[in-house]
N, C-alpha and C. Protein backbone atom coordinates (compact mmCIF):
# COMPACT_ATOMS: atom_id res chain seq x y z
N MET A 1 -8.89 44.29 4.05
CA MET A 1 -8.28 42.94 4.03
C MET A 1 -8.14 42.39 2.57
N HIS A 2 -7.02 41.89 2.27
CA HIS A 2 -6.72 41.37 0.91
C HIS A 2 -6.78 39.84 0.92
N ASP A 3 -7.19 39.28 -0.14
CA ASP A 3 -7.12 37.82 -0.34
C ASP A 3 -5.70 37.45 -0.64
N LYS A 4 -5.40 36.21 -0.24
CA LYS A 4 -4.05 35.70 -0.53
C LYS A 4 -4.21 34.26 -1.07
N VAL A 5 -3.52 34.00 -2.16
CA VAL A 5 -3.52 32.65 -2.75
C VAL A 5 -2.47 31.84 -1.97
N ILE A 6 -2.80 30.69 -1.52
CA ILE A 6 -1.83 29.81 -0.86
C ILE A 6 -1.85 28.42 -1.52
N TRP A 7 -0.76 27.71 -1.43
CA TRP A 7 -0.59 26.28 -1.89
C TRP A 7 -0.36 25.41 -0.70
N HIS A 8 -1.35 24.71 -0.33
CA HIS A 8 -1.28 23.96 0.89
C HIS A 8 -0.47 22.62 0.86
N TYR A 9 0.20 22.45 -0.35
CA TYR A 9 1.03 21.24 -0.48
C TYR A 9 2.53 21.53 -0.23
N SER A 10 2.84 22.78 0.21
CA SER A 10 4.23 23.21 0.64
C SER A 10 4.15 23.71 2.00
N VAL A 11 5.30 23.74 2.67
CA VAL A 11 5.47 24.21 3.97
C VAL A 11 5.23 25.74 4.06
N ASP A 12 5.79 26.43 3.13
CA ASP A 12 5.61 27.88 3.14
C ASP A 12 4.37 28.41 2.43
N CYS A 13 3.60 27.49 1.96
CA CYS A 13 2.30 27.85 1.24
C CYS A 13 2.42 28.61 -0.05
N ASN A 14 3.63 28.51 -0.69
CA ASN A 14 3.96 29.17 -1.95
C ASN A 14 4.05 28.02 -3.01
N TYR A 15 3.36 28.32 -4.12
CA TYR A 15 3.44 27.32 -5.21
C TYR A 15 4.77 27.46 -5.92
N MET A 16 5.32 26.30 -6.19
CA MET A 16 6.55 26.10 -7.06
C MET A 16 6.24 24.98 -7.99
N VAL A 17 6.85 25.01 -9.13
CA VAL A 17 6.68 23.95 -10.10
C VAL A 17 7.02 22.57 -9.46
N LYS A 18 8.08 22.63 -8.73
CA LYS A 18 8.57 21.42 -8.07
C LYS A 18 7.44 20.73 -7.16
N SER A 19 6.76 21.60 -6.41
CA SER A 19 5.77 21.15 -5.46
C SER A 19 4.49 20.70 -6.26
N GLY A 20 4.23 21.47 -7.37
CA GLY A 20 3.08 21.12 -8.17
C GLY A 20 3.36 19.75 -8.87
N TYR A 21 4.54 19.57 -9.37
CA TYR A 21 4.92 18.31 -10.00
C TYR A 21 4.81 17.08 -9.02
N GLY A 22 5.32 17.30 -7.84
CA GLY A 22 5.28 16.29 -6.80
C GLY A 22 3.82 15.92 -6.47
N SER A 23 2.95 16.92 -6.39
CA SER A 23 1.56 16.64 -6.12
C SER A 23 0.91 15.93 -7.21
N ALA A 24 1.28 16.34 -8.51
CA ALA A 24 0.66 15.63 -9.67
C ALA A 24 1.13 14.16 -9.71
N LEU A 25 2.36 13.91 -9.38
CA LEU A 25 2.85 12.56 -9.30
C LEU A 25 2.12 11.71 -8.21
N ALA A 26 1.91 12.30 -7.09
CA ALA A 26 1.19 11.66 -6.05
C ALA A 26 -0.21 11.32 -6.46
N LEU A 27 -0.91 12.19 -7.11
CA LEU A 27 -2.21 11.99 -7.58
C LEU A 27 -2.18 10.89 -8.69
N LYS A 28 -1.21 10.91 -9.53
CA LYS A 28 -1.08 9.85 -10.59
C LYS A 28 -0.89 8.48 -10.00
N ARG A 29 -0.04 8.39 -8.95
CA ARG A 29 0.17 7.17 -8.34
C ARG A 29 -1.01 6.55 -7.65
N ASN A 30 -1.91 7.40 -7.00
CA ASN A 30 -3.08 6.87 -6.34
C ASN A 30 -4.28 6.88 -7.19
N GLY A 31 -4.02 7.07 -8.54
CA GLY A 31 -5.23 6.98 -9.49
C GLY A 31 -6.15 8.15 -9.49
N LYS A 32 -5.77 9.24 -8.84
CA LYS A 32 -6.75 10.30 -8.72
C LYS A 32 -6.45 11.56 -9.60
N LEU A 33 -5.47 11.38 -10.47
CA LEU A 33 -5.16 12.56 -11.27
C LEU A 33 -6.32 12.86 -12.21
N GLY A 34 -6.74 14.11 -12.22
CA GLY A 34 -7.90 14.51 -13.00
C GLY A 34 -9.20 14.36 -12.28
N LYS A 35 -9.16 13.89 -11.05
CA LYS A 35 -10.36 13.73 -10.26
C LYS A 35 -10.16 14.52 -8.97
N ARG A 36 -11.27 14.79 -8.31
CA ARG A 36 -11.17 15.39 -6.96
C ARG A 36 -10.58 14.40 -6.02
N ALA A 37 -9.50 14.72 -5.38
CA ALA A 37 -8.93 13.81 -4.43
C ALA A 37 -7.88 14.61 -3.62
N VAL A 38 -7.46 13.89 -2.58
CA VAL A 38 -6.36 14.42 -1.73
C VAL A 38 -5.08 13.56 -2.08
N GLY A 39 -4.03 14.32 -2.32
CA GLY A 39 -2.75 13.66 -2.58
C GLY A 39 -2.21 12.88 -1.42
N GLU A 40 -1.38 11.96 -1.68
CA GLU A 40 -0.92 11.13 -0.55
C GLU A 40 0.20 11.93 0.26
N CYS A 41 0.31 11.56 1.54
CA CYS A 41 1.21 12.29 2.38
C CYS A 41 2.59 11.53 2.35
N SER A 42 3.61 12.25 2.60
CA SER A 42 4.93 11.66 2.64
C SER A 42 5.71 12.31 3.78
N ASN A 43 6.76 11.68 4.23
CA ASN A 43 7.63 12.18 5.21
C ASN A 43 8.66 13.07 4.48
N ARG A 44 8.39 14.35 4.52
CA ARG A 44 9.22 15.30 3.80
C ARG A 44 10.70 15.22 4.19
N GLU A 45 11.01 15.12 5.43
CA GLU A 45 12.46 15.08 5.80
C GLU A 45 13.13 13.82 5.25
N GLN A 46 12.41 12.73 5.29
CA GLN A 46 13.04 11.48 4.79
C GLN A 46 13.27 11.53 3.26
N LEU A 47 12.39 12.20 2.51
CA LEU A 47 12.50 12.18 1.07
C LEU A 47 13.32 13.42 0.55
N LYS A 48 13.64 14.37 1.44
CA LYS A 48 14.27 15.58 1.04
C LYS A 48 15.63 15.28 0.30
N PRO A 49 16.54 14.40 0.71
CA PRO A 49 17.71 14.01 0.06
C PRO A 49 17.52 13.49 -1.36
N VAL A 50 16.49 12.67 -1.43
CA VAL A 50 16.15 12.12 -2.74
C VAL A 50 15.76 13.16 -3.75
N TRP A 51 14.79 14.02 -3.40
CA TRP A 51 14.42 15.07 -4.19
C TRP A 51 15.46 16.08 -4.53
N ASN A 52 16.35 16.42 -3.55
CA ASN A 52 17.42 17.29 -3.85
C ASN A 52 18.35 16.76 -4.87
N SER A 53 18.66 15.50 -4.76
CA SER A 53 19.52 14.78 -5.68
C SER A 53 18.93 14.70 -7.11
N ALA A 54 17.67 14.40 -7.17
CA ALA A 54 16.99 14.23 -8.41
C ALA A 54 16.90 15.56 -9.18
N TRP A 55 16.53 16.65 -8.51
CA TRP A 55 16.32 17.97 -9.11
C TRP A 55 17.67 18.66 -9.45
N SER A 56 18.73 18.25 -8.80
CA SER A 56 20.05 18.88 -9.03
C SER A 56 20.83 18.07 -10.07
N LEU A 57 20.32 17.04 -10.70
CA LEU A 57 20.97 16.31 -11.75
C LEU A 57 21.33 17.23 -12.94
N PRO A 58 22.56 17.11 -13.52
CA PRO A 58 22.83 17.97 -14.72
C PRO A 58 22.29 17.35 -16.02
N VAL A 59 21.03 17.09 -16.07
CA VAL A 59 20.40 16.61 -17.31
C VAL A 59 19.13 17.38 -17.66
N GLN A 60 18.62 17.17 -18.86
CA GLN A 60 17.43 17.84 -19.30
C GLN A 60 16.19 17.41 -18.49
N GLY A 61 15.28 18.38 -18.31
CA GLY A 61 14.01 18.23 -17.56
C GLY A 61 13.30 16.95 -17.99
N GLU A 62 13.17 16.64 -19.25
CA GLU A 62 12.49 15.44 -19.70
C GLU A 62 13.06 14.16 -19.10
N ILE A 63 14.36 14.12 -19.07
CA ILE A 63 15.07 12.92 -18.54
C ILE A 63 14.83 12.78 -17.01
N LYS A 64 14.84 13.87 -16.34
CA LYS A 64 14.52 13.89 -14.89
C LYS A 64 13.04 13.31 -14.64
N GLU A 65 12.14 13.84 -15.43
CA GLU A 65 10.77 13.44 -15.30
C GLU A 65 10.65 11.91 -15.59
N PHE A 66 11.36 11.45 -16.62
CA PHE A 66 11.25 10.05 -16.91
C PHE A 66 11.82 9.23 -15.79
N CYS A 67 12.97 9.63 -15.26
CA CYS A 67 13.56 8.89 -14.16
C CYS A 67 12.74 8.89 -12.89
N LEU A 68 12.12 10.02 -12.60
CA LEU A 68 11.24 10.03 -11.41
C LEU A 68 9.95 9.31 -11.55
N GLU A 69 9.52 9.15 -12.72
CA GLU A 69 8.29 8.26 -12.94
C GLU A 69 8.59 6.85 -13.02
N SER A 70 9.75 6.40 -13.37
CA SER A 70 10.07 4.98 -13.48
C SER A 70 10.18 4.33 -12.17
N PRO A 71 9.63 3.13 -12.10
CA PRO A 71 9.66 2.36 -10.82
C PRO A 71 11.06 1.91 -10.36
């Protein structure tokens, strides 16, 4: 039997930078970044169009990050 690394913050249990970034933002929003905590839940289907639009913008990554962090 082999061990398998899984990422429980995504549906398919595979880590992607996109899912890691989303989890980090959730932890930052709830004040738990850098502490042991559970990230906040969201309605994946409701937010999917927003994330798809944001990640497909033809701009540099730093600009996307700034826009996603801005209220």
